[in-house]
C-alpha atoms as a PDB file:
ATOM      1  CA  UNK A   1     -85.558  -7.378  12.332  1.00  0.00           C
ATOM      2  CA  UNK A   2     -84.496  -5.544  15.495  1.00  0.00           C
ATOM      3  CA  UNK A   3     -80.914  -6.780  15.099  1.00  0.00           C
ATOM      4  CA  UNK A   4     -80.851  -5.862  11.417  1.00  0.00           C
ATOM      5  CA  UNK A   5     -82.197  -2.385  12.185  1.00  0.00           C
ATOM      6  CA  UNK A   6     -79.543  -1.876  14.849  1.00  0.00           C
ATOM      7  CA  UNK A   7     -76.823  -2.938  12.455  1.00  0.00           C
ATOM      8  CA  UNK A   8     -78.041  -0.522   9.823  1.00  0.00           C
ATOM      9  CA  UNK A   9     -77.812   2.288  12.331  1.00  0.00           C
ATOM     10  CA  UNK A  10     -74.368   1.251  13.551  1.00  0.00           C
ATOM     11  CA  UNK A  11     -72.581   0.317  10.326  1.00  0.00           C
ATOM     12  CA  UNK A  12     -70.635   1.796   7.477  1.00  0.00           C
ATOM     13  CA  UNK A  13     -70.651  -0.226   4.271  1.00  0.00           C
ATOM     14  CA  UNK A  14     -67.924  -0.394   1.642  1.00  0.00           C
ATOM     15  CA  UNK A  15     -68.651  -1.044  -2.013  1.00  0.00           C
ATOM     16  CA  UNK A  16     -68.511  -4.723  -3.039  1.00  0.00           C
ATOM     17  CA  UNK A  17     -65.953  -6.208  -5.367  1.00  0.00           C
ATOM     18  CA  UNK A  18     -67.319  -7.975  -8.467  1.00  0.00           C
ATOM     19  CA  UNK A  19     -68.903 -11.360  -7.675  1.00  0.00           C
ATOM     20  CA  UNK A  20     -69.223 -14.433  -9.864  1.00  0.00           C
ATOM     21  CA  UNK A  21     -72.616 -14.580 -11.508  1.00  0.00           C
ATOM     22  CA  UNK A  22     -73.536 -17.762  -9.623  1.00  0.00           C
ATOM     23  CA  UNK A  23     -72.368 -16.609  -6.165  1.00  0.00           C
ATOM     24  CA  UNK A  24     -73.582 -13.728  -3.981  1.00  0.00           C
ATOM     25  CA  UNK A  25     -70.960 -11.439  -2.433  1.00  0.00           C
ATOM     26  CA  UNK A  26     -69.518 -12.459   0.900  1.00  0.00           C
ATOM     27  CA  UNK A  27     -70.988 -10.394   3.722  1.00  0.00           C
ATOM     28  CA  UNK A  28     -68.054  -9.471   5.937  1.00  0.00           C
ATOM     29  CA  UNK A  29     -68.304  -7.538   9.186  1.00  0.00           C
ATOM     30  CA  UNK A  30     -65.335  -5.547  10.469  1.00  0.00           C
ATOM     31  CA  UNK A  31     -64.788  -3.669  13.748  1.00  0.00           C
ATOM     32  CA  UNK A  32     -65.259   0.056  14.128  1.00  0.00           C
ATOM     33  CA  UNK A  33     -62.383   2.356  15.065  1.00  0.00           C
ATOM     34  CA  UNK A  34     -59.669  -0.298  14.720  1.00  0.00           C
ATOM     35  CA  UNK A  35     -56.577   1.162  13.022  1.00  0.00           C
ATOM     36  CA  UNK A  36     -54.441  -0.187  11.405  1.00  0.00           C
ATOM     37  CA  UNK A  37     -56.848  -3.031  10.599  1.00  0.00           C
ATOM     38  CA  UNK A  38     -59.857  -0.940   9.618  1.00  0.00           C
ATOM     39  CA  UNK A  39     -59.951   2.821   9.037  1.00  0.00           C
ATOM     40  CA  UNK A  40     -61.416   5.346   6.645  1.00  0.00           C
ATOM     41  CA  UNK A  41     -59.478   6.614   3.652  1.00  0.00           C
ATOM     42  CA  UNK A  42     -59.672  10.328   2.783  1.00  0.00           C
ATOM     43  CA  UNK A  43     -62.471   9.556   0.298  1.00  0.00           C
ATOM     44  CA  UNK A  44     -64.548   7.959   3.068  1.00  0.00           C
ATOM     45  CA  UNK A  45     -64.023   4.360   1.886  1.00  0.00           C
ATOM     46  CA  UNK A  46     -62.833   1.663   4.251  1.00  0.00           C
ATOM     47  CA  UNK A  47     -59.193   0.636   4.084  1.00  0.00           C
ATOM     48  CA  UNK A  48     -56.635  -1.001   6.349  1.00  0.00           C
ATOM     49  CA  UNK A  49     -54.861  -4.322   6.808  1.00  0.00           C
ATOM     50  CA  UNK A  50     -57.900  -6.620   6.979  1.00  0.00           C
ATOM     51  CA  UNK A  51     -59.856  -4.708   4.332  1.00  0.00           C
ATOM     52  CA  UNK A  52     -57.037  -5.163   1.820  1.00  0.00           C
ATOM     53  CA  UNK A  53     -56.373  -8.758   2.890  1.00  0.00           C
ATOM     54  CA  UNK A  54     -59.973  -9.918   2.593  1.00  0.00           C
ATOM     55  CA  UNK A  55     -60.548  -8.174  -0.720  1.00  0.00           C
ATOM     56  CA  UNK A  56     -57.694 -10.297  -2.077  1.00  0.00           C
ATOM     57  CA  UNK A  57     -58.979 -13.439  -0.333  1.00  0.00           C
ATOM     58  CA  UNK A  58     -62.410 -12.875  -1.924  1.00  0.00           C
ATOM     59  CA  UNK A  59     -60.793 -12.416  -5.334  1.00  0.00           C
ATOM     60  CA  UNK A  60     -58.953 -15.743  -4.971  1.00  0.00           C
ATOM     61  CA  UNK A  61     -62.295 -17.342  -4.053  1.00  0.00           C
ATOM     62  CA  UNK A  62     -63.882 -15.659  -7.105  1.00  0.00           C
ATOM     63  CA  UNK A  63     -66.401 -13.991  -4.838  1.00  0.00           C
ATOM     64  CA  UNK A  64     -67.421 -10.418  -4.322  1.00  0.00           C
ATOM     65  CA  UNK A  65     -67.281  -9.000  -0.811  1.00  0.00           C
ATOM     66  CA  UNK A  66     -69.228  -6.317   1.048  1.00  0.00           C
ATOM     67  CA  UNK A  67     -67.809  -4.908   4.284  1.00  0.00           C
ATOM     68  CA  UNK A  68     -70.049  -3.709   7.096  1.00  0.00           C
ATOM     69  CA  UNK A  69     -68.565  -1.888  10.067  1.00  0.00           C
ATOM     70  CA  UNK A  70     -70.190  -2.481  13.454  1.00  0.00           C
ATOM     71  CA  UNK A  71     -69.495  -2.262  17.171  1.00  0.00           C
ATOM     72  CA  UNK A  72     -69.362  -5.085  19.680  1.00  0.00           C
ATOM     73  CA  UNK A  73     -71.523  -7.031  20.425  1.00  0.00           C
ATOM     74  CA  UNK A  74     -73.213  -6.496  17.040  1.00  0.00           C
ATOM     75  CA  UNK A  75     -70.280  -8.200  15.323  1.00  0.00           C
ATOM     76  CA  UNK A  76     -70.868 -11.464  17.162  1.00  0.00           C
ATOM     77  CA  UNK A  77     -74.660 -11.191  17.092  1.00  0.00           C
ATOM     78  CA  UNK A  78     -74.675 -10.517  13.364  1.00  0.00           C
ATOM     79  CA  UNK A  79     -72.549 -13.599  12.684  1.00  0.00           C
ATOM     80  CA  UNK A  80     -74.645 -15.823  14.953  1.00  0.00           C
ATOM     81  CA  UNK A  81     -77.922 -14.646  13.364  1.00  0.00           C
ATOM     82  CA  UNK A  82     -76.672 -15.041   9.791  1.00  0.00           C
ATOM     83  CA  UNK A  83     -76.602 -11.316   8.991  1.00  0.00           C
ATOM     84  CA  UNK A  84     -72.906 -11.767   8.091  1.00  0.00           C
ATOM     85  CA  UNK A  85     -71.013 -14.664   6.550  1.00  0.00           C
ATOM     86  CA  UNK A  86     -67.729 -13.898   8.255  1.00  0.00           C
ATOM     87  CA  UNK A  87     -65.864 -11.699  10.681  1.00  0.00           C
ATOM     88  CA  UNK A  88     -62.536 -10.546   9.290  1.00  0.00           C
ATOM     89  CA  UNK A  89     -61.108  -9.989  12.763  1.00  0.00           C
ATOM     90  CA  UNK A  90     -58.627  -9.542  14.152  1.00  0.00           C
ATOM     91  CA  UNK A  91     -60.112 -12.009  16.656  1.00  0.00           C
ATOM     92  CA  UNK A  92     -57.938 -13.167  19.538  1.00  0.00           C
ATOM     93  CA  UNK A  93     -58.008 -16.964  19.222  1.00  0.00           C
ATOM     94  CA  UNK A  94     -58.998 -18.026  22.739  1.00  0.00           C
ATOM     95  CA  UNK A  95     -60.934 -21.091  23.946  1.00  0.00           C
ATOM     96  CA  UNK A  96     -63.994 -18.916  24.605  1.00  0.00           C
ATOM     97  CA  UNK A  97     -63.969 -17.445  21.097  1.00  0.00           C
ATOM     98  CA  UNK A  98     -63.389 -20.869  19.526  1.00  0.00           C
ATOM     99  CA  UNK A  99     -66.467 -22.205  21.341  1.00  0.00           C
ATOM    100  CA  UNK A 100     -68.636 -19.466  19.800  1.00  0.00           C
ATOM    101  CA  UNK A 101     -67.427 -19.404  16.174  1.00  0.00           C
ATOM    102  CA  UNK A 102     -65.257 -21.261  13.676  1.00  0.00           C
ATOM    103  CA  UNK A 103     -61.800 -19.686  13.568  1.00  0.00           C
ATOM    104  CA  UNK A 104     -59.318 -19.662  10.715  1.00  0.00           C
ATOM    105  CA  UNK A 105     -55.617 -20.019  11.362  1.00  0.00           C
ATOM    106  CA  UNK A 106     -54.139 -16.671  12.251  1.00  0.00           C
ATOM    107  CA  UNK A 107     -52.684 -14.099   9.891  1.00  0.00           C
ATOM    108  CA  UNK A 108     -50.756 -12.402  12.730  1.00  0.00           C
ATOM    109  CA  UNK A 109     -49.379 -13.329  16.119  1.00  0.00           C
ATOM    110  CA  UNK A 110     -50.504 -11.100  18.977  1.00  0.00           C
ATOM    111  CA  UNK A 111     -49.617 -10.845  22.638  1.00  0.00           C
ATOM    112  CA  UNK A 112     -50.479  -8.362  25.368  1.00  0.00           C
ATOM    113  CA  UNK A 113     -48.029  -5.441  25.190  1.00  0.00           C
ATOM    114  CA  UNK A 114     -47.596  -2.202  27.112  1.00  0.00           C
ATOM    115  CA  UNK A 115     -46.742   1.193  25.653  1.00  0.00           C
ATOM    116  CA  UNK A 116     -45.584   4.431  27.239  1.00  0.00           C
ATOM    117  CA  UNK A 117     -43.962   7.771  26.564  1.00  0.00           C
ATOM    118  CA  UNK A 118     -40.329   7.656  25.494  1.00  0.00           C
ATOM    119  CA  UNK A 119     -38.080   7.767  28.559  1.00  0.00           C
ATOM    120  CA  UNK A 120     -40.769   6.236  30.799  1.00  0.00           C
ATOM    121  CA  UNK A 121     -40.768   2.607  29.638  1.00  0.00           C
ATOM    122  CA  UNK A 122     -42.754  -0.265  31.109  1.00  0.00           C
ATOM    123  CA  UNK A 123     -40.143  -3.027  31.357  1.00  0.00           C
ATOM    124  CA  UNK A 124     -41.764  -5.056  34.180  1.00  0.00           C
ATOM    125  CA  UNK A 125     -45.236  -5.229  35.681  1.00  0.00           C
ATOM    126  CA  UNK A 126     -44.057  -3.515  38.849  1.00  0.00           C
ATOM    127  CA  UNK A 127     -43.415  -0.381  36.760  1.00  0.00           C
ATOM    128  CA  UNK A 128     -47.211   0.070  36.597  1.00  0.00           C
ATOM    129  CA  UNK A 129     -47.432   1.003  40.295  1.00  0.00           C
ATOM    130  CA  UNK A 130     -49.031   4.422  40.715  1.00  0.00           C
ATOM    131  CA  UNK A 131     -49.657   4.800  36.968  1.00  0.00           C
ATOM    132  CA  UNK A 132     -52.818   5.284  34.930  1.00  0.00           C
ATOM    133  CA  UNK A 133     -53.263   2.474  32.382  1.00  0.00           C
ATOM    134  CA  UNK A 134     -55.388   3.139  29.287  1.00  0.00           C
ATOM    135  CA  UNK A 135     -57.163   0.129  27.727  1.00  0.00           C
ATOM    136  CA  UNK A 136     -59.883  -0.364  25.109  1.00  0.00           C
ATOM    137  CA  UNK A 137     -63.271  -0.760  26.750  1.00  0.00           C
ATOM    138  CA  UNK A 138     -64.738  -4.270  26.542  1.00  0.00           C
ATOM    139  CA  UNK A 139     -61.485  -5.903  25.416  1.00  0.00           C
ATOM    140  CA  UNK A 140     -59.424  -8.761  26.833  1.00  0.00           C
ATOM    141  CA  UNK A 141     -56.894  -6.101  27.819  1.00  0.00           C
ATOM    142  CA  UNK A 142     -59.520  -4.320  29.896  1.00  0.00           C
ATOM    143  CA  UNK A 143     -60.389  -7.610  31.598  1.00  0.00           C
ATOM    144  CA  UNK A 144     -56.712  -8.178  32.443  1.00  0.00           C
ATOM    145  CA  UNK A 145     -56.404  -4.611  33.766  1.00  0.00           C
ATOM    146  CA  UNK A 146     -59.453  -4.932  36.016  1.00  0.00           C
ATOM    147  CA  UNK A 147     -58.156  -8.235  37.438  1.00  0.00           C
ATOM    148  CA  UNK A 148     -54.663  -6.895  38.117  1.00  0.00           C
ATOM    149  CA  UNK A 149     -55.169  -3.221  39.030  1.00  0.00           C
ATOM    150  CA  UNK A 150     -55.054  -3.792  42.790  1.00  0.00           C
ATOM    151  CA  UNK A 151     -52.188  -6.280  42.597  1.00  0.00           C
ATOM    152  CA  UNK A 152     -49.890  -3.928  40.697  1.00  0.00           C
ATOM    153  CA  UNK A 153     -51.259  -0.645  42.038  1.00  0.00           C
ATOM    154  CA  UNK A 154     -52.446   1.101  38.870  1.00  0.00           C
ATOM    155  CA  UNK A 155     -55.718   2.752  37.877  1.00  0.00           C
ATOM    156  CA  UNK A 156     -57.653   1.869  34.713  1.00  0.00           C
ATOM    157  CA  UNK A 157     -58.712   4.470  32.142  1.00  0.00           C
ATOM    158  CA  UNK A 158     -61.114   3.505  29.300  1.00  0.00           C
ATOM    159  CA  UNK A 159     -60.268   4.182  25.641  1.00  0.00           C
ATOM    160  CA  UNK A 160     -62.170   3.616  22.397  1.00  0.00           C
ATOM    161  CA  UNK A 161     -59.301   1.787  20.653  1.00  0.00           C
ATOM    162  CA  UNK A 162     -55.723   0.710  21.158  1.00  0.00           C
ATOM    163  CA  UNK A 163     -54.436   3.670  19.152  1.00  0.00           C
ATOM    164  CA  UNK A 164     -56.602   6.082  21.186  1.00  0.00           C
ATOM    165  CA  UNK A 165     -55.112   4.554  24.340  1.00  0.00           C
ATOM    166  CA  UNK A 166     -51.638   5.383  22.995  1.00  0.00           C
ATOM    167  CA  UNK A 167     -52.733   8.930  22.193  1.00  0.00           C
ATOM    168  CA  UNK A 168     -54.069   9.301  25.745  1.00  0.00           C
ATOM    169  CA  UNK A 169     -50.561   8.469  26.944  1.00  0.00           C
ATOM    170  CA  UNK A 170     -49.001  11.105  24.693  1.00  0.00           C
ATOM    171  CA  UNK A 171     -51.584  13.646  25.896  1.00  0.00           C
ATOM    172  CA  UNK A 172     -50.591  12.866  29.520  1.00  0.00           C
ATOM    173  CA  UNK A 173     -54.128  11.673  30.242  1.00  0.00           C
ATOM    174  CA  UNK A 174     -52.637   8.230  30.966  1.00  0.00           C
ATOM    175  CA  UNK A 175     -49.155   6.981  31.803  1.00  0.00           C
ATOM    176  CA  UNK A 176     -49.214   3.684  29.907  1.00  0.00           C
ATOM    177  CA  UNK A 177     -51.431   1.675  27.583  1.00  0.00           C
ATOM    178  CA  UNK A 178     -52.123  -2.012  27.099  1.00  0.00           C
ATOM    179  CA  UNK A 179     -53.264  -3.631  23.861  1.00  0.00           C
ATOM    180  CA  UNK A 180     -52.200  -6.303  21.361  1.00  0.00           C
ATOM    181  CA  UNK A 181     -48.635  -6.177  20.080  1.00  0.00           C
ATOM    182  CA  UNK A 182     -49.543  -5.412  16.418  1.00  0.00           C
ATOM    183  CA  UNK A 183     -51.500  -2.306  17.441  1.00  0.00           C
ATOM    184  CA  UNK A 184     -48.865  -1.245  19.970  1.00  0.00           C
ATOM    185  CA  UNK A 185     -46.144  -1.552  17.325  1.00  0.00           C
ATOM    186  CA  UNK A 186     -48.300   0.425  14.876  1.00  0.00           C
ATOM    187  CA  UNK A 187     -48.791   3.187  17.463  1.00  0.00           C
ATOM    188  CA  UNK A 188     -45.045   3.318  18.168  1.00  0.00           C
ATOM    189  CA  UNK A 189     -44.405   3.601  14.417  1.00  0.00           C
ATOM    190  CA  UNK A 190     -46.894   6.433  13.862  1.00  0.00           C
ATOM    191  CA  UNK A 191     -47.007   8.372  17.139  1.00  0.00           C
ATOM    192  CA  UNK A 192     -43.835  10.357  17.839  1.00  0.00           C
ATOM    193  CA  UNK A 193     -42.667  10.001  21.420  1.00  0.00           C
ATOM    194  CA  UNK A 194     -44.550   6.745  22.032  1.00  0.00           C
ATOM    195  CA  UNK A 195     -42.676   3.471  22.584  1.00  0.00           C
ATOM    196  CA  UNK A 196     -43.775  -0.160  22.829  1.00  0.00           C
ATOM    197  CA  UNK A 197     -42.418  -1.934  25.892  1.00  0.00           C
ATOM    198  CA  UNK A 198     -43.039  -5.058  27.938  1.00  0.00           C
ATOM    199  CA  UNK A 199     -44.873  -7.943  26.225  1.00  0.00           C
ATOM    200  CA  UNK A 200     -46.479 -10.892  28.042  1.00  0.00           C
ATOM    201  CA  UNK A 201     -45.406 -13.970  26.034  1.00  0.00           C
ATOM    202  CA  UNK A 202     -47.827 -16.266  27.889  1.00  0.00           C
ATOM    203  CA  UNK A 203     -50.690 -14.398  26.176  1.00  0.00           C
ATOM    204  CA  UNK A 204     -49.432 -15.039  22.638  1.00  0.00           C
ATOM    205  CA  UNK A 205     -52.168 -16.201  20.278  1.00  0.00           C
ATOM    206  CA  UNK A 206     -53.386 -16.150  16.676  1.00  0.00           C
ATOM    207  CA  UNK A 207     -55.235 -13.136  15.288  1.00  0.00           C
ATOM    208  CA  UNK A 208     -57.887 -14.891  13.205  1.00  0.00           C
ATOM    209  CA  UNK A 209     -61.001 -14.476  11.094  1.00  0.00           C
ATOM    210  CA  UNK A 210     -64.182 -16.489  11.735  1.00  0.00           C
ATOM    211  CA  UNK A 211     -67.331 -17.968  10.228  1.00  0.00           C
ATOM    212  CA  UNK A 212     -70.358 -19.548  11.891  1.00  0.00           C
ATOM    213  CA  UNK A 213     -69.556 -22.946  13.366  1.00  0.00           C
ATOM    214  CA  UNK A 214     -71.753 -24.651  10.754  1.00  0.00           C
ATOM    215  CA  UNK A 215     -69.932 -22.984   7.822  1.00  0.00           C
ATOM    216  CA  UNK A 216     -66.985 -25.373   7.706  1.00  0.00           C
ATOM    217  CA  UNK A 217     -66.706 -25.266   3.906  1.00  0.00           C
ATOM    218  CA  UNK A 218     -66.505 -21.461   3.855  1.00  0.00           C
ATOM    219  CA  UNK A 219     -63.899 -21.406   6.640  1.00  0.00           C
ATOM    220  CA  UNK A 220     -61.787 -23.967   4.808  1.00  0.00           C
ATOM    221  CA  UNK A 221     -62.055 -22.146   1.470  1.00  0.00           C
ATOM    222  CA  UNK A 222     -61.014 -18.866   3.094  1.00  0.00           C
ATOM    223  CA  UNK A 223     -58.073 -20.571   4.757  1.00  0.00           C
ATOM    224  CA  UNK A 224     -56.960 -22.171   1.485  1.00  0.00           C
ATOM    225  CA  UNK A 225     -56.866 -18.687  -0.025  1.00  0.00           C
ATOM    226  CA  UNK A 226     -55.012 -17.344   3.030  1.00  0.00           C
ATOM    227  CA  UNK A 227     -52.447 -20.136   2.699  1.00  0.00           C
ATOM    228  CA  UNK A 228     -51.663 -19.101  -0.872  1.00  0.00           C
ATOM    229  CA  UNK A 229     -51.354 -15.440   0.127  1.00  0.00           C
ATOM    230  CA  UNK A 230     -48.894 -16.384   2.846  1.00  0.00           C
ATOM    231  CA  UNK A 231     -46.840 -18.433   0.409  1.00  0.00           C
ATOM    232  CA  UNK A 232     -46.691 -15.727  -2.269  1.00  0.00           C
ATOM    233  CA  UNK A 233     -45.715 -13.001   0.203  1.00  0.00           C
ATOM    234  CA  UNK A 234     -48.951 -10.995   0.062  1.00  0.00           C
ATOM    235  CA  UNK A 235     -49.720 -11.168   3.804  1.00  0.00           C
ATOM    236  CA  UNK A 236     -46.143 -10.204   4.684  1.00  0.00           C
ATOM    237  CA  UNK A 237     -46.308  -7.273   2.246  1.00  0.00           C
ATOM    238  CA  UNK A 238     -49.527  -6.008   3.810  1.00  0.00           C
ATOM    239  CA  UNK A 239     -48.052  -6.404   7.278  1.00  0.00           C
ATOM    240  CA  UNK A 240     -45.036  -4.299   6.342  1.00  0.00           C
ATOM    241  CA  UNK A 241     -47.301  -1.676   4.762  1.00  0.00           C
ATOM    242  CA  UNK A 242     -49.715  -1.364   7.698  1.00  0.00           C
ATOM    243  CA  UNK A 243     -47.653  -2.427  10.726  1.00  0.00           C
ATOM    244  CA  UNK A 244     -44.260  -1.152   9.655  1.00  0.00           C
ATOM    245  CA  UNK A 245     -42.075  -4.233  10.061  1.00  0.00           C
ATOM    246  CA  UNK A 246     -40.760  -7.094   7.944  1.00  0.00           C
ATOM    247  CA  UNK A 247     -42.200 -10.399   9.247  1.00  0.00           C
ATOM    248  CA  UNK A 248     -39.853 -13.283  10.044  1.00  0.00           C
ATOM    249  CA  UNK A 249     -40.246 -16.766   8.608  1.00  0.00           C
ATOM    250  CA  UNK A 250     -41.919 -17.968  11.838  1.00  0.00           C
ATOM    251  CA  UNK A 251     -44.389 -15.075  11.966  1.00  0.00           C
ATOM    252  CA  UNK A 252     -47.935 -15.990  10.978  1.00  0.00           C
ATOM    253  CA  UNK A 253     -47.803 -13.669   7.987  1.00  0.00           C
ATOM    254  CA  UNK A 254     -45.494 -16.305   6.456  1.00  0.00           C
ATOM    255  CA  UNK A 255     -46.153 -19.445   8.485  1.00  0.00           C
ATOM    256  CA  UNK A 256     -48.751 -21.885   7.117  1.00  0.00           C
ATOM    257  CA  UNK A 257     -50.343 -23.834   9.969  1.00  0.00           C
ATOM    258  CA  UNK A 258     -51.100 -27.542   9.327  1.00  0.00           C
ATOM    259  CA  UNK A 259     -54.795 -28.353   9.047  1.00  0.00           C
ATOM    260  CA  UNK A 260     -57.645 -25.844   9.323  1.00  0.00           C
ATOM    261  CA  UNK A 261     -58.192 -23.517  12.253  1.00  0.00           C
ATOM    262  CA  UNK A 262     -56.071 -22.962  15.347  1.00  0.00           C
ATOM    263  CA  UNK A 263     -54.399 -26.084  16.763  1.00  0.00           C
ATOM    264  CA  UNK A 264     -55.540 -26.934  20.269  1.00  0.00           C
ATOM    265  CA  UNK A 265     -58.815 -25.009  20.041  1.00  0.00           C
ATOM    266  CA  UNK A 266     -62.364 -26.103  19.238  1.00  0.00           C
ATOM    267  CA  UNK A 267     -63.052 -26.309  15.506  1.00  0.00           C
ATOM    268  CA  UNK A 268     -59.512 -27.297  14.547  1.00  0.00           C
ATOM    269  CA  UNK A 269     -59.376 -29.896  11.754  1.00  0.00           C
ATOM    270  CA  UNK A 270     -55.998 -31.592  11.114  1.00  0.00           C
ATOM    271  CA  UNK A 271     -56.880 -32.689   7.559  1.00  0.00           C
ATOM    272  CA  UNK A 272     -54.397 -31.561   4.857  1.00  0.00           C
ATOM    273  CA  UNK A 273     -55.105 -28.296   3.101  1.00  0.00           C
ATOM    274  CA  UNK A 274     -56.587 -28.517  -0.406  1.00  0.00           C
ATOM    275  CA  UNK A 275     -55.190 -25.322  -1.894  1.00  0.00           C
ATOM    276  CA  UNK A 276     -53.156 -25.513  -5.094  1.00  0.00           C
ATOM    277  CA  UNK A 277     -51.332 -22.217  -5.207  1.00  0.00           C
END
């Protein structure tokens, strides 16, 4: 009850889509303050890349869906305790995350990427010397920054989101930002004078959704729906709408991964997909 009470205090709920009579709506939890994936429309309703994507996934599954917005660690706690059926993500598909939850294949690639003001690009890690680096608190990017601050001679400034980190750069509160490449590209598209720079290809991973580890059937059904939406161009269309670029054939918006889950990580199942699109 304590967890449920905390979630009620911390969340914003979006209206459900229509469910089948014999199935309850999917209970999906999404992160707070995470543009372009989750944000509020002018009417106060939730919108964004993952909101639109998972509404369509739920429709293909003939299920309703209710979105609840929460902060970390309530996202993970709510999934583990059964308050939610799924996390829409984006979840960086790492070995640690795969040991805690059952990941779907990704709907985007992501890698660590730096951003800066135009004319002051970060093209190599040594460019960070003497600079202030803005990163989202509690993220993998913050962990990387704390580990490498002394080595490369920069100071770390906390931010509430990747986009807020970019805005701190434009406001001259920071000199550079570090977040995932989809968010950095989104910030460069929307924030005049901000540019995306150096990416770290060794950090490339899937941006995934997740269910509880026991909910294999739900994970597989979601991934079957995702496969069809990749094949019919829906995921690529949403990516262009929210991230501002046309995905290539080898981008995860278009690329169907064999089996279920993320190859090489816990929970991956190489069995053929069942979807008939």
